[in-house]
Protein backbone atom coordinates (compact mmCIF):
# COMPACT_ATOMS: atom_id res chain seq x y z
CA UNK A 1 -9.14 104.83 99.92
CA UNK A 2 -12.23 105.74 98.24
CA UNK A 3 -16.67 105.83 98.50
CA UNK A 4 -18.05 104.48 95.73
CA UNK A 5 -21.79 105.22 95.85
CA UNK A 6 -22.41 100.90 94.79
CA UNK A 7 -25.88 102.05 92.94
CA UNK A 8 -24.60 103.84 90.97
CA UNK A 9 -21.03 103.25 90.59
CA UNK A 10 -19.96 107.15 91.35
CA UNK A 11 -17.24 108.42 92.98
CA UNK A 12 -16.27 112.46 93.33
CA UNK A 13 -12.64 112.06 94.60
CA UNK A 14 -11.21 115.12 96.07
CA UNK A 15 -7.74 115.60 94.15
CA UNK A 16 -6.19 117.86 96.70
CA UNK A 17 -6.63 114.29 98.99
CA UNK A 18 -5.78 112.30 96.07
CA UNK A 19 -2.33 114.88 95.77
CA UNK A 20 -2.04 114.91 99.55
CA UNK A 21 -1.74 110.88 99.50
CA UNK A 22 1.01 110.18 96.13
CA UNK A 23 3.09 113.01 98.08
CA UNK A 24 2.75 110.01 100.96
CA UNK A 25 3.57 107.73 98.91
CA UNK A 26 6.68 109.05 98.30
CA UNK A 27 7.77 110.06 101.04
CA UNK A 28 7.75 106.55 102.22
CA UNK A 29 8.11 104.82 99.26
CA UNK A 30 4.55 103.16 98.19
CA UNK A 31 3.72 105.23 95.78
CA UNK A 32 3.75 101.19 93.30
CA UNK A 33 1.69 100.15 95.79
CA UNK A 34 -0.95 103.30 96.08
CA UNK A 35 -1.79 103.47 92.01
CA UNK A 36 -2.11 99.60 92.82
CA UNK A 37 -5.03 100.11 95.39
CA UNK A 38 -6.43 103.25 93.34
CA UNK A 39 -6.07 101.36 89.98
CA UNK A 40 -8.38 98.44 92.27
CA UNK A 41 -11.40 100.58 93.23
CA UNK A 42 -11.37 101.98 90.50
CA UNK A 43 -12.03 98.94 88.90
CA UNK A 44 -16.38 99.17 90.00
CA UNK A 45 -16.01 103.08 89.33
CA UNK A 46 -18.23 103.67 85.93
CA UNK A 47 -18.53 107.54 86.57
CA UNK A 48 -15.79 109.07 88.02
CA UNK A 49 -15.16 113.17 89.27
CA UNK A 50 -12.40 114.63 89.41
CA UNK A 51 -12.91 117.63 92.58
CA UNK A 52 -10.22 120.51 93.05
CA UNK A 53 -8.20 120.08 89.89
CA UNK A 54 -5.58 122.27 89.84
CA UNK A 55 -4.09 119.08 92.72
CA UNK A 56 -3.58 117.86 89.16
CA UNK A 57 -0.70 120.27 88.00
CA UNK A 58 2.67 118.08 88.60
CA UNK A 59 3.22 116.07 84.94
CA UNK A 60 4.42 113.59 87.33
CA UNK A 61 1.58 112.51 89.27
CA UNK A 62 -0.80 112.93 85.95
CA UNK A 63 1.81 110.80 83.97
CA UNK A 64 0.97 107.93 86.84
CA UNK A 65 -2.80 108.64 86.70
CA UNK A 66 -3.60 108.90 83.68
CA UNK A 67 -4.10 105.32 83.16
CA UNK A 68 -6.33 104.25 85.02
CA UNK A 69 -8.72 107.14 83.86
CA UNK A 70 -8.16 106.26 80.08
CA UNK A 71 -8.52 102.34 81.61
CA UNK A 72 -12.25 104.26 83.46
CA UNK A 73 -13.75 105.87 79.84
CA UNK A 74 -12.03 102.56 77.77
CA UNK A 75 -14.93 100.35 79.25
CA UNK A 76 -17.72 102.84 78.67
CA UNK A 77 -17.42 104.85 82.27
CA UNK A 78 -17.07 108.14 82.31
CA UNK A 79 -14.69 110.95 84.05
CA UNK A 80 -15.37 115.03 84.64
CA UNK A 81 -13.37 117.44 85.89
CA UNK A 82 -14.02 120.43 87.39
CA UNK A 83 -12.24 123.13 88.97
CA UNK A 84 -14.99 123.55 92.32
CA UNK A 85 -13.48 122.17 95.62
CA UNK A 86 -15.82 118.65 96.90
CA UNK A 87 -18.69 120.81 99.32
CA UNK A 88 -17.53 120.04 102.90
CA UNK A 89 -21.11 119.62 104.64
């Protein structure tokens, strides 16, 4: 799901893509598995850049995501937010 830069242990994550995957998981009843997989992948991330954060408007989605972000911070990592979308090349 994530393209982690192994050297810097960082990732730029599109909140739009993340939210769409979350919505898909609700349709097929795999929401728990979705967040478990995301949690597992974020364990190797020290620097998370959330892009296009307007997609975090859903309170239910934010409530499920926030503990994962807090986990990164608790181990000394950094979470930054941007309202800009990921630039496509």
